[in-house]
Amino acid sequence: MKKFLVLALLFAAGFVASAQNLYYRYEKISYNDATEKYHTDYFIRICRVHDDVSISYKDYLLNELFGKEYDYYRTRIVVNINGDIISFYEEYSDEYLPVAQFKIESDAALTSFKDFDESKSSLAEVTETFNQLCKTENKDNKPYNGWSYGGKLFKLNNNGEYFWIGYDDYWLVKKNGNSFMGYRVDYKNRYSLFSLEERNPSVVCYAPGKAACMNSLGNVMRTDISDLSNPKQDMTLWNKFINAVKKCDSSELGKMLDHQLSPSDFNEELQKDVITIIAETKNPDFILNAFKAIDAAYGIFYPSYGGSDNPLQYLIEQKDSKSVRKVLEWKNELADFASFNGQFSHASPVRKAVDLDDVEMVKTVLPYVKDVNKIICMGSKESDGGGSYNHTCNLLSFAKSEEMKKVLISAGVKTLIPYNGYEKETCLIDSNVNIRDSAGLSGKKIDRLNNGEKVKVIAIDPYFYDIDNYKGHWIQIEYSDGKKKGYIFEKYLNQYWQ
C-alpha cells in the first residue's frame, strides 16, 4: 500500500524576497439549460504572501492553463525550493508524469516554460526526506501511528524545519542530522493556526519564523512558528484591522478582507468574528464601505461554515436601523436572503428584528421585503426541533407585543394561514367551550361544543395568544358535518393534528 500521496511540496530557501507562494484549487459548478446537465470548471488560485499583511493572487482556469482537459483526481502539484516555480504532474501507479511547469511572478502571474525541467522541481528531494522521516525509530519523535501512516510533508525553510500532515494530525518537525524532532499542534488550536483545505493543502514559510497556509475558503492564514513547540496565531493583520475599525477607516479594508480576513473569521482574544466587529461600530458610512469590500471579495452573501451568511442580521442584532437602511438602499436583496450552513437554513433577517421586538427595525426592513408572507420565518433546524410548526407560522408567530402585531398586520402579514397538514380532524378535550366568529376573546360567541365532539381544522391564526396561562393559537374549524364554522382556542383541542 502506498504510504505517501504528494499533493504539494512547498518550501523556502532564504528570505531575500520575503515572499512565498501558496496555491488553492477549487471548482465552480454551473447548469446548462440547453443540455440540462451540470458542468464543473476547475480553477487554481496562486497566492503570493508578501509580508504579515499583504498578498497578491490570481485565479486560473486549469483547462486553459494546461491547454487540455484537467484531471482533478490524478493531478499533483509541486512548488520548488525557492517557491517561484510550480510544477504539475499526473500520477499513474505511483509514477509521476510531468504535465506543465510555470514560473510564479511577483504579482502571482504564471509564465509557462516551453520544456518541463525536472531539476526545477523538488519532488525527488522532499520524497527522499519523507522516506527518511518514515524510518525514524525514536518513539518520542513519532506521531501515534508512526510517521508513515499517510500524510504530506512540506519543507518550510533551509533550517531543517518541516510541516507534516497526517490523517488527523498536524506536526511541526525539526530535522537534526538524520533524526527528527516532532511537535504536535494542539488539537484545540489547529483550526486557528492551520485550517487547511484537505484536498489540496499548502503551507509555506514566507519570512523567518512565519508560516502561512490557505484554508478551506481559499484565504491566507498566518502563524508564528518561531517556537515550533508553541505555534501561535500571528495577530499582525488582526491588529491592523482592529485599529482601522476603531478609526472607521475603510481605505485599506478591501485589501485586508480580500482572501485574508473573511467576515466569519473569529478573534479568540475579542471572542468576536470580523463581521460583528464591523457591525459594532454603528457607523453607516463605514459599514457600507465594509460591506462593499466583502461583496468584492466574496459576494455579499459570503461563505461561512459550509454555507452562506447574510451580514444584515448582524446590524439588526446591534439595533442599528440607520446602517440597515443605508445598506438596503445599496442592496435590497439582503432583506430576503436567509443564511444557511450545512444542511440547515436559517430564518430571514426581519425575523431577527421581530424576535428582538424592535419595531423601528421592522419598519425599516419590511419595505424592502418582496413578499412579507413568503419569507423564511423558521430555520430548518428549528422546524426539526419542534416548537412552533413551520407550515402554520409567519412573522406574527414571533411578535411579542401588540404594537409589533399591528405593524406586521398593517404591512400585509396574513392573520390566517390555511392548514394543510395531513391530520385535519380532531376533537375537543373539554366541555362548554365557546366557539367565536373571529379569533381572540373579542370575537362574538356563536356556539358551544363539548368534550369528544369532532371538528375539522381549516386554518390557524399564527399569532400566539396568552390566555389563562396558556400560550397558543386561535384555530378556525368546521363542525356539525361541515355545516358550521367558527374559532376555538387550541387549548381545548386534541392536538395530534399539529
Protein backbone atom coordinates (compact mmCIF):
# COMPACT_ATOMS: atom_id res chain seq x y z
CA MET A 1 0.00 0.00 0.00
CA LYS A 2 1.36 3.38 -0.93
CA LYS A 3 2.46 5.40 2.11
CA PHE A 4 2.54 8.92 0.80
CA LEU A 5 0.47 10.85 -1.67
CA VAL A 6 2.24 14.02 -2.78
CA LEU A 7 -0.36 16.78 -3.03
CA ALA A 8 2.02 19.66 -2.55
CA LEU A 9 5.62 20.31 -1.57
CA LEU A 10 6.18 23.93 -0.66
CA PHE A 11 9.37 25.36 0.66
CA ALA A 12 11.51 28.43 1.02
CA ALA A 13 15.25 28.91 0.78
CA GLY A 14 16.30 32.14 2.44
CA PHE A 15 14.15 35.22 2.66
CA VAL A 16 15.73 37.74 0.33
CA ALA A 17 12.43 38.47 -1.40
CA SER A 18 10.47 37.98 1.84
CA ALA A 19 7.64 36.49 -0.19
CA GLN A 20 6.46 32.97 -0.93
CA ASN A 21 3.67 31.25 -2.78
CA LEU A 22 0.61 29.22 -1.91
CA TYR A 23 -1.99 27.63 -4.10
CA TYR A 24 -5.64 26.69 -3.72
CA ARG A 25 -7.66 24.52 -6.06
CA TYR A 26 -11.41 24.98 -6.24
CA GLU A 27 -14.33 24.24 -8.52
CA LYS A 28 -17.40 26.02 -9.86
CA ILE A 29 -20.49 24.08 -10.87
CA SER A 30 -22.87 25.56 -13.43
CA TYR A 31 -26.07 24.30 -15.01
CA ASN A 32 -26.61 24.34 -18.77
CA ASP A 33 -30.28 24.90 -19.56
CA ALA A 34 -29.83 23.74 -23.14
CA THR A 35 -28.25 20.36 -22.30
CA GLU A 36 -29.97 20.09 -18.90
CA LYS A 37 -26.67 18.99 -17.41
CA TYR A 38 -24.30 20.29 -14.76
CA HIS A 39 -20.75 21.26 -15.70
CA THR A 40 -17.75 21.60 -13.40
CA ASP A 41 -14.87 24.00 -14.05
CA TYR A 42 -11.67 23.58 -12.04
CA PHE A 43 -9.57 26.57 -11.00
CA ILE A 44 -6.34 27.24 -9.18
CA ARG A 45 -5.56 30.36 -7.15
CA ILE A 46 -1.89 31.31 -6.96
CA CYS A 47 -1.27 33.48 -3.92
CA ARG A 48 2.00 35.28 -3.15
CA VAL A 49 2.40 36.20 0.53
CA HIS A 50 4.47 39.39 0.64
CA ASP A 51 4.52 40.03 4.39
CA ASP A 52 2.33 39.93 7.51
CA VAL A 53 -0.48 41.98 5.99
CA SER A 54 -0.33 41.89 2.18
CA ILE A 55 -0.74 39.36 -0.62
CA SER A 56 -1.14 39.16 -4.39
CA TYR A 57 -3.22 36.48 -6.06
CA LYS A 58 -4.55 35.42 -9.44
CA ASP A 59 -7.07 32.75 -10.43
CA TYR A 60 -6.65 30.44 -13.43
CA LEU A 61 -8.97 28.03 -15.21
CA LEU A 62 -6.95 24.81 -15.25
CA ASN A 63 -8.16 23.58 -18.65
CA GLU A 64 -6.91 26.83 -20.19
CA LEU A 65 -3.69 26.72 -18.19
CA PHE A 66 -2.88 23.18 -19.35
CA GLY A 67 -4.28 23.51 -22.85
CA LYS A 68 -6.09 20.21 -22.30
CA GLU A 69 -8.73 18.59 -20.10
CA TYR A 70 -7.69 18.82 -16.46
CA ASP A 71 -7.76 15.53 -14.50
CA TYR A 72 -8.62 16.52 -10.94
CA TYR A 73 -8.02 13.11 -9.39
CA ARG A 74 -4.63 12.42 -10.93
CA THR A 75 -3.02 15.85 -10.87
CA ARG A 76 -0.34 16.50 -8.24
CA ILE A 77 1.22 19.91 -7.63
CA VAL A 78 4.79 20.71 -6.59
CA VAL A 79 6.31 24.12 -5.83
CA ASN A 80 10.09 24.21 -5.90
CA ILE A 81 12.57 25.07 -3.16
CA ASN A 82 12.63 28.79 -3.98
CA GLY A 83 8.88 28.96 -4.20
CA ASP A 84 8.95 30.60 -7.62
CA ILE A 85 8.23 27.61 -9.86
CA ILE A 86 5.10 25.46 -9.80
CA SER A 87 5.11 22.03 -11.45
CA PHE A 88 2.09 19.89 -12.32
CA TYR A 89 2.24 16.10 -12.55
CA GLU A 90 -0.25 13.34 -13.23
CA GLU A 91 0.08 10.23 -11.11
CA TYR A 92 -0.17 6.71 -12.57
CA SER A 93 0.62 3.71 -10.33
CA ASP A 94 2.95 5.70 -8.05
CA GLU A 95 4.71 7.22 -11.05
CA TYR A 96 4.57 10.99 -11.59
CA LEU A 97 4.39 12.11 -15.22
CA PRO A 98 5.18 15.80 -15.97
CA VAL A 99 2.30 17.87 -17.35
CA ALA A 100 3.19 21.56 -17.15
CA GLN A 101 5.60 23.93 -15.41
CA PHE A 102 5.34 27.67 -14.72
CA LYS A 103 7.35 30.46 -13.19
CA ILE A 104 5.45 32.38 -10.48
CA GLU A 105 6.00 36.10 -10.90
CA SER A 106 5.96 38.63 -8.04
CA ASP A 107 2.32 39.51 -8.73
CA ALA A 108 1.27 35.80 -8.78
CA ALA A 109 1.15 35.74 -12.59
CA LEU A 110 2.27 32.48 -14.25
CA THR A 111 4.77 32.29 -17.11
CA SER A 112 4.91 28.94 -18.89
CA PHE A 113 8.17 27.10 -19.53
CA LYS A 114 8.45 25.64 -23.01
CA ASP A 115 10.01 22.42 -21.72
CA PHE A 116 9.45 20.68 -18.39
CA ASP A 117 12.71 20.70 -16.37
CA GLU A 118 12.82 18.13 -13.53
CA SER A 119 15.76 19.99 -11.96
CA LYS A 120 13.41 22.92 -11.32
CA SER A 121 11.06 20.66 -9.33
CA SER A 122 11.95 19.45 -5.84
CA LEU A 123 9.77 16.36 -5.89
CA ALA A 124 12.68 13.93 -5.50
CA GLU A 125 14.29 15.84 -2.61
CA VAL A 126 11.18 16.06 -0.47
CA THR A 127 10.17 12.46 -1.23
CA GLU A 128 13.60 11.34 -0.02
CA THR A 129 13.24 13.38 3.16
CA PHE A 130 9.83 11.92 3.78
CA ASN A 131 11.17 8.38 3.39
CA GLN A 132 13.87 9.22 5.97
CA LEU A 133 11.18 10.51 8.28
CA CYS A 134 9.19 7.30 7.90
CA LYS A 135 12.21 5.25 9.02
CA THR A 136 12.63 7.21 12.26
CA GLU A 137 12.76 4.69 15.11
CA ASN A 138 12.84 7.05 18.08
CA LYS A 139 9.36 6.63 19.59
CA ASP A 140 9.48 10.07 21.17
CA ASN A 141 9.77 11.58 17.72
CA LYS A 142 6.85 9.72 16.13
CA PRO A 143 3.13 10.53 15.91
CA TYR A 144 0.78 7.99 17.43
CA ASN A 145 0.69 5.67 14.43
CA GLY A 146 4.13 6.35 13.02
CA TRP A 147 5.24 8.97 10.53
CA SER A 148 4.35 6.77 7.59
CA TYR A 149 0.66 6.48 8.48
CA GLY A 150 -0.41 8.54 5.50
CA GLY A 151 0.47 12.19 5.36
CA LYS A 152 2.03 15.00 3.41
CA LEU A 153 5.33 16.73 4.04
CA PHE A 154 6.19 20.41 3.49
CA LYS A 155 9.68 21.83 3.81
CA LEU A 156 9.37 25.25 5.37
CA ASN A 157 12.94 26.56 5.10
CA ASN A 158 16.59 25.54 4.87
CA ASN A 159 16.91 25.28 8.64
CA GLY A 160 15.59 21.74 8.66
CA GLU A 161 12.02 22.74 9.57
CA TYR A 162 9.07 20.89 8.06
CA PHE A 163 5.30 20.72 8.36
CA TRP A 164 3.73 17.26 8.38
CA ILE A 165 0.05 16.39 7.97
CA GLY A 166 -1.34 13.01 8.95
CA TYR A 167 -4.92 11.81 8.67
CA ASP A 168 -5.94 13.76 11.75
CA ASP A 169 -2.70 15.33 12.91
CA TYR A 170 -0.59 18.43 12.27
CA TRP A 171 3.08 18.32 13.29
CA LEU A 172 5.92 20.82 13.12
CA VAL A 173 9.15 18.90 12.59
CA LYS A 174 12.81 19.81 13.16
CA LYS A 175 15.49 17.76 11.41
CA ASN A 176 18.88 17.40 13.13
CA GLY A 177 21.26 15.32 11.04
CA ASN A 178 19.46 12.04 10.40
CA SER A 179 16.99 12.40 13.28
CA PHE A 180 13.72 14.31 13.58
CA MET A 181 12.01 16.00 16.48
CA GLY A 182 8.25 16.42 16.14
CA TYR A 183 5.96 18.90 17.89
CA ARG A 184 2.29 18.09 17.62
CA VAL A 185 -0.01 21.07 17.04
CA ASP A 186 -2.56 21.14 19.86
CA TYR A 187 -5.92 20.00 18.51
CA LYS A 188 -7.83 22.94 20.03
CA ASN A 189 -5.52 25.38 18.17
CA ARG A 190 -5.18 23.63 14.83
CA TYR A 191 -8.17 25.34 13.19
CA SER A 192 -6.99 28.81 14.16
CA LEU A 193 -3.40 28.08 13.06
CA PHE A 194 -3.55 25.68 10.10
CA SER A 195 -7.16 25.32 8.94
CA LEU A 196 -6.16 23.59 5.72
CA GLU A 197 -8.18 22.60 2.70
CA GLU A 198 -7.93 18.81 2.92
CA ARG A 199 -7.96 18.16 -0.83
CA ASN A 200 -5.01 20.40 -1.66
CA PRO A 201 -3.26 21.78 1.40
CA SER A 202 -0.29 24.10 1.04
CA VAL A 203 1.95 25.61 3.71
CA VAL A 204 4.87 27.98 3.24
CA CYS A 205 7.36 29.89 5.37
CA TYR A 206 7.14 33.42 3.96
CA ALA A 207 9.52 35.02 6.48
CA PRO A 208 11.77 33.75 9.31
CA GLY A 209 9.56 32.18 11.95
CA LYS A 210 6.38 32.93 9.98
CA ALA A 211 4.27 30.28 8.23
CA ALA A 212 1.23 30.78 6.00
CA CYS A 213 -1.39 28.44 4.61
CA MET A 214 -4.66 28.67 2.70
CA ASN A 215 -7.80 27.46 4.43
CA SER A 216 -10.95 25.85 3.04
CA LEU A 217 -12.23 29.25 1.86
CA GLY A 218 -9.04 29.97 -0.08
CA ASN A 219 -7.96 32.61 2.44
CA VAL A 220 -4.45 33.14 3.78
CA MET A 221 -3.79 32.31 7.44
CA ARG A 222 -0.54 33.23 9.18
CA THR A 223 1.14 31.53 12.13
CA ASP A 224 4.14 32.46 14.27
CA ILE A 225 6.36 29.34 14.36
CA SER A 226 9.46 30.94 15.88
CA ASP A 227 8.97 28.35 18.65
CA LEU A 228 7.99 25.09 16.95
CA SER A 229 6.76 23.65 20.23
CA ASN A 230 4.34 26.53 20.74
CA PRO A 231 2.98 27.93 17.44
CA LYS A 232 0.71 30.95 17.78
CA GLN A 233 -1.71 32.79 15.55
CA ASP A 234 0.04 35.79 14.01
CA MET A 235 -2.02 38.82 15.02
CA THR A 236 -0.36 41.49 12.84
CA LEU A 237 -3.18 41.63 10.29
CA TRP A 238 -5.83 41.34 13.00
CA ASN A 239 -4.32 44.28 14.89
CA LYS A 240 -4.21 46.38 11.73
CA PHE A 241 -7.84 45.53 11.04
CA ILE A 242 -8.99 46.35 14.58
CA ASN A 243 -7.15 49.69 14.53
CA ALA A 244 -8.80 50.56 11.21
CA VAL A 245 -12.23 49.67 12.61
CA LYS A 246 -11.66 51.81 15.71
CA LYS A 247 -10.94 54.78 13.43
CA CYS A 248 -13.71 53.77 11.00
CA ASP A 249 -11.03 53.95 8.30
CA SER A 250 -12.07 51.87 5.30
CA SER A 251 -9.20 52.91 2.99
CA GLU A 252 -7.35 49.56 3.26
CA LEU A 253 -10.23 47.40 4.41
CA GLY A 254 -10.63 45.84 0.98
CA LYS A 255 -7.04 44.56 0.95
CA MET A 256 -7.37 43.12 4.46
CA LEU A 257 -10.62 41.32 3.70
CA ASP A 258 -9.76 40.14 0.18
CA HIS A 259 -8.86 36.48 0.79
CA GLN A 260 -7.14 37.26 4.07
CA LEU A 261 -9.59 38.04 6.87
CA SER A 262 -13.01 36.66 5.97
CA PRO A 263 -16.19 38.02 7.58
CA SER A 264 -16.59 34.79 9.57
CA ASP A 265 -13.00 34.70 10.92
CA PHE A 266 -13.03 34.60 14.72
CA ASN A 267 -10.75 36.58 17.04
CA GLU A 268 -10.05 34.47 20.13
CA GLU A 269 -8.90 37.46 22.18
CA LEU A 270 -12.01 39.54 21.49
CA GLN A 271 -14.30 36.49 21.20
CA LYS A 272 -15.88 38.08 18.13
CA ASP A 273 -15.84 37.50 14.40
CA VAL A 274 -14.93 40.07 11.75
CA ILE A 275 -18.49 40.91 10.75
CA THR A 276 -19.53 41.52 14.37
CA ILE A 277 -16.57 43.84 14.95
CA ILE A 278 -17.60 45.83 11.87
CA ALA A 279 -21.28 45.93 12.89
CA GLU A 280 -20.48 47.18 16.39
CA THR A 281 -19.18 50.49 15.01
CA LYS A 282 -22.75 51.53 14.14
CA ASN A 283 -21.20 53.90 11.62
CA PRO A 284 -23.40 53.76 8.47
CA ASP A 285 -20.77 55.06 6.00
CA PHE A 286 -18.01 52.80 7.32
CA ILE A 287 -20.31 49.78 7.42
CA LEU A 288 -21.46 50.35 3.85
CA ASN A 289 -17.85 50.54 2.64
CA ALA A 290 -17.03 47.38 4.60
CA PHE A 291 -19.99 45.54 3.05
CA LYS A 292 -18.86 46.65 -0.41
CA ALA A 293 -15.39 45.26 0.33
CA ILE A 294 -16.94 41.96 1.43
CA ASP A 295 -19.05 41.88 -1.73
CA ALA A 296 -16.00 42.46 -3.94
CA ALA A 297 -14.01 39.66 -2.30
CA TYR A 298 -16.64 37.00 -1.57
CA GLY A 299 -20.04 38.17 -2.73
CA ILE A 300 -22.33 39.89 -0.25
CA PHE A 301 -23.72 36.52 0.89
CA TYR A 302 -20.28 35.40 1.98
CA PRO A 303 -19.23 31.77 2.63
CA SER A 304 -19.45 30.66 6.26
CA TYR A 305 -19.34 27.22 7.91
CA GLY A 306 -20.24 25.23 4.83
CA GLY A 307 -22.93 27.67 3.70
CA SER A 308 -23.57 31.36 3.16
CA ASP A 309 -24.21 34.13 5.66
CA ASN A 310 -26.18 37.37 5.41
CA PRO A 311 -24.32 40.30 7.05
CA LEU A 312 -27.56 42.27 7.51
CA GLN A 313 -28.55 40.17 10.51
CA TYR A 314 -25.51 41.43 12.43
CA LEU A 315 -26.66 45.02 12.01
CA ILE A 316 -30.13 44.02 13.16
CA GLU A 317 -28.61 42.45 16.28
CA GLN A 318 -26.98 45.83 17.01
CA LYS A 319 -30.38 47.54 16.58
CA ASP A 320 -28.70 49.87 14.10
CA SER A 321 -31.58 50.90 11.83
CA LYS A 322 -29.62 53.75 10.21
CA SER A 323 -26.93 51.38 8.89
CA VAL A 324 -29.57 48.83 7.88
CA ARG A 325 -31.41 51.44 5.82
CA LYS A 326 -28.19 52.60 4.12
CA VAL A 327 -27.16 49.05 3.27
CA LEU A 328 -30.62 48.10 1.96
CA GLU A 329 -30.66 51.16 -0.27
CA TRP A 330 -27.48 49.70 -1.79
CA LYS A 331 -28.59 46.03 -1.97
CA ASN A 332 -32.25 45.44 -1.21
CA GLU A 333 -31.95 41.67 -1.80
CA LEU A 334 -30.35 41.43 1.64
CA ALA A 335 -33.81 41.83 3.14
CA ASP A 336 -34.95 38.44 1.81
CA PHE A 337 -31.89 36.19 1.95
CA ALA A 338 -31.87 33.57 4.71
CA SER A 339 -28.44 32.35 5.77
CA PHE A 340 -27.70 28.63 5.72
CA ASN A 341 -24.93 26.33 6.90
CA GLY A 342 -24.53 22.68 6.09
CA GLN A 343 -27.96 21.08 5.83
CA PHE A 344 -29.77 23.78 7.80
CA SER A 345 -31.28 27.05 6.64
CA HIS A 346 -31.91 29.98 8.97
CA ALA A 347 -34.73 32.49 9.22
CA SER A 348 -34.85 35.69 7.16
CA PRO A 349 -33.27 38.79 8.76
CA VAL A 350 -36.58 40.52 9.58
CA ARG A 351 -37.48 37.57 11.82
CA LYS A 352 -34.50 38.59 14.00
CA ALA A 353 -35.92 42.11 14.31
CA VAL A 354 -39.32 40.72 15.29
CA ASP A 355 -37.66 38.45 17.87
CA LEU A 356 -35.96 41.49 19.38
CA ASP A 357 -39.31 43.35 19.43
CA ASP A 358 -37.52 46.15 17.58
CA VAL A 359 -40.45 47.94 15.97
CA GLU A 360 -38.31 50.64 14.34
CA MET A 361 -36.09 47.99 12.73
CA VAL A 362 -39.06 46.04 11.41
CA LYS A 363 -40.48 49.24 9.88
CA THR A 364 -37.06 49.80 8.25
CA VAL A 365 -36.70 46.32 6.74
CA LEU A 366 -40.24 45.37 5.68
CA PRO A 367 -40.49 47.86 2.76
CA TYR A 368 -37.56 46.06 1.10
CA VAL A 369 -39.06 42.57 1.51
CA LYS A 370 -40.60 41.32 -1.75
CA ASP A 371 -43.43 39.37 -0.13
CA VAL A 372 -43.94 39.52 3.64
CA ASN A 373 -45.85 36.23 3.50
CA LYS A 374 -43.21 34.24 1.59
CA ILE A 375 -40.10 34.85 3.65
CA ILE A 376 -38.50 32.08 5.69
CA CYS A 377 -39.74 32.57 9.25
CA MET A 378 -38.24 29.41 10.72
CA GLY A 379 -34.91 27.77 10.04
CA SER A 380 -35.00 24.08 9.14
CA LYS A 381 -33.18 23.23 12.36
CA GLU A 382 -35.90 24.96 14.38
CA SER A 383 -38.57 23.09 12.45
CA ASP A 384 -36.87 19.75 13.11
CA GLY A 385 -36.55 20.60 16.77
CA GLY A 386 -40.26 21.13 17.38
CA GLY A 387 -41.85 24.18 18.95
CA SER A 388 -43.94 26.26 16.58
CA TYR A 389 -44.88 24.25 13.47
CA ASN A 390 -43.28 25.57 10.34
CA HIS A 391 -46.22 25.19 7.95
CA THR A 392 -48.55 27.30 10.15
CA CYS A 393 -46.34 30.19 11.18
CA ASN A 394 -45.36 33.57 9.82
CA LEU A 395 -43.85 36.72 11.29
CA LEU A 396 -46.85 37.14 13.60
CA SER A 397 -45.84 33.91 15.34
CA PHE A 398 -42.81 35.69 16.76
CA ALA A 399 -44.39 39.03 17.68
CA LYS A 400 -44.03 39.78 21.40
CA SER A 401 -46.16 42.90 21.69
CA GLU A 402 -49.43 44.32 20.43
CA GLU A 403 -47.51 47.17 18.79
CA MET A 404 -45.41 44.71 16.79
CA LYS A 405 -48.56 42.79 15.85
CA LYS A 406 -50.19 45.95 14.49
CA VAL A 407 -47.08 46.88 12.46
CA LEU A 408 -46.94 43.43 10.85
CA ILE A 409 -50.64 43.30 10.05
CA SER A 410 -50.52 46.79 8.51
CA ALA A 411 -47.62 45.57 6.32
CA GLY A 412 -49.83 42.79 4.97
CA VAL A 413 -48.76 39.81 7.07
CA LYS A 414 -51.64 37.32 6.99
CA THR A 415 -53.67 36.82 10.15
CA LEU A 416 -54.94 33.43 8.99
CA ILE A 417 -52.98 30.60 7.40
CA PRO A 418 -54.78 27.67 5.70
CA TYR A 419 -53.95 24.41 7.46
CA ASN A 420 -52.51 21.87 5.02
CA GLY A 421 -51.47 19.15 7.46
CA TYR A 422 -52.42 15.52 6.91
CA GLU A 423 -54.43 15.19 10.12
CA LYS A 424 -57.16 17.80 9.93
CA GLU A 425 -59.78 16.05 12.02
CA THR A 426 -59.58 16.22 15.80
CA CYS A 427 -61.90 16.51 18.81
CA LEU A 428 -62.48 18.62 21.91
CA ILE A 429 -60.96 17.70 25.27
CA ASP A 430 -63.21 19.93 27.41
CA SER A 431 -66.90 20.82 27.68
CA ASN A 432 -68.89 24.04 27.37
CA VAL A 433 -66.15 25.53 25.15
CA ASN A 434 -67.09 28.79 23.44
CA ILE A 435 -66.90 29.00 19.65
CA ARG A 436 -66.44 32.56 18.32
CA ASP A 437 -67.00 34.28 14.99
CA SER A 438 -63.38 35.60 14.88
CA ALA A 439 -60.04 34.95 16.56
CA GLY A 440 -59.50 36.41 20.02
CA LEU A 441 -61.61 36.96 23.11
CA SER A 442 -63.17 39.95 21.37
CA GLY A 443 -64.85 37.60 18.90
CA LYS A 444 -68.60 37.13 19.31
CA LYS A 445 -69.69 33.85 20.94
CA ILE A 446 -71.72 31.91 18.39
CA ASP A 447 -71.85 28.37 19.80
CA ARG A 448 -70.63 25.90 22.44
CA LEU A 449 -69.09 22.45 21.96
CA ASN A 450 -68.44 19.63 24.41
CA ASN A 451 -65.80 17.02 25.17
CA GLY A 452 -65.33 14.47 22.36
CA GLU A 453 -67.16 16.39 19.66
CA LYS A 454 -65.38 16.12 16.31
CA VAL A 455 -64.13 19.16 14.38
CA LYS A 456 -62.02 19.78 11.29
CA VAL A 457 -59.11 22.24 11.32
CA ILE A 458 -59.36 24.72 8.43
CA ALA A 459 -56.86 27.47 9.26
CA ILE A 460 -54.70 28.86 12.06
CA ASP A 461 -54.15 32.36 13.37
CA PRO A 462 -50.30 32.42 13.51
CA TYR A 463 -50.13 34.88 16.42
CA PHE A 464 -49.54 33.38 19.88
CA TYR A 465 -52.17 34.46 22.42
CA ASP A 466 -51.62 34.13 26.16
CA ILE A 467 -54.98 33.11 27.69
CA ASP A 468 -55.41 31.62 31.17
CA ASN A 469 -51.65 30.97 31.40
CA TYR A 470 -51.71 29.03 28.12
CA LYS A 471 -49.85 30.32 25.09
CA GLY A 472 -51.36 29.16 21.82
CA HIS A 473 -53.25 29.90 18.60
CA TRP A 474 -56.85 30.51 17.68
CA ILE A 475 -57.97 27.80 15.26
CA GLN A 476 -60.63 28.12 12.57
CA ILE A 477 -62.72 24.95 12.49
CA GLU A 478 -65.62 23.27 10.72
CA TYR A 479 -68.09 21.25 12.77
CA SER A 480 -71.59 19.77 12.60
CA ASP A 481 -70.55 17.80 9.50
CA GLY A 482 -69.13 20.90 7.82
CA LYS A 483 -72.32 22.91 8.20
CA LYS A 484 -70.84 25.41 10.66
CA LYS A 485 -67.60 27.37 11.04
CA GLY A 486 -66.03 29.22 13.92
CA TYR A 487 -62.93 29.84 16.01
CA ILE A 488 -61.70 27.90 19.05
CA PHE A 489 -58.63 28.38 21.23
CA GLU A 490 -56.21 25.49 20.69
CA LYS A 491 -56.04 24.71 24.44
CA TYR A 492 -59.36 22.88 24.11
CA LEU A 493 -58.41 20.64 21.16
CA ASN A 494 -56.70 17.28 21.00
CA GLN A 495 -53.55 18.48 19.21
CA TYR A 496 -52.27 15.35 17.49
CA TRP A 497 -53.11 17.15 14.22
CA GLN A 498 -50.13 19.53 14.67
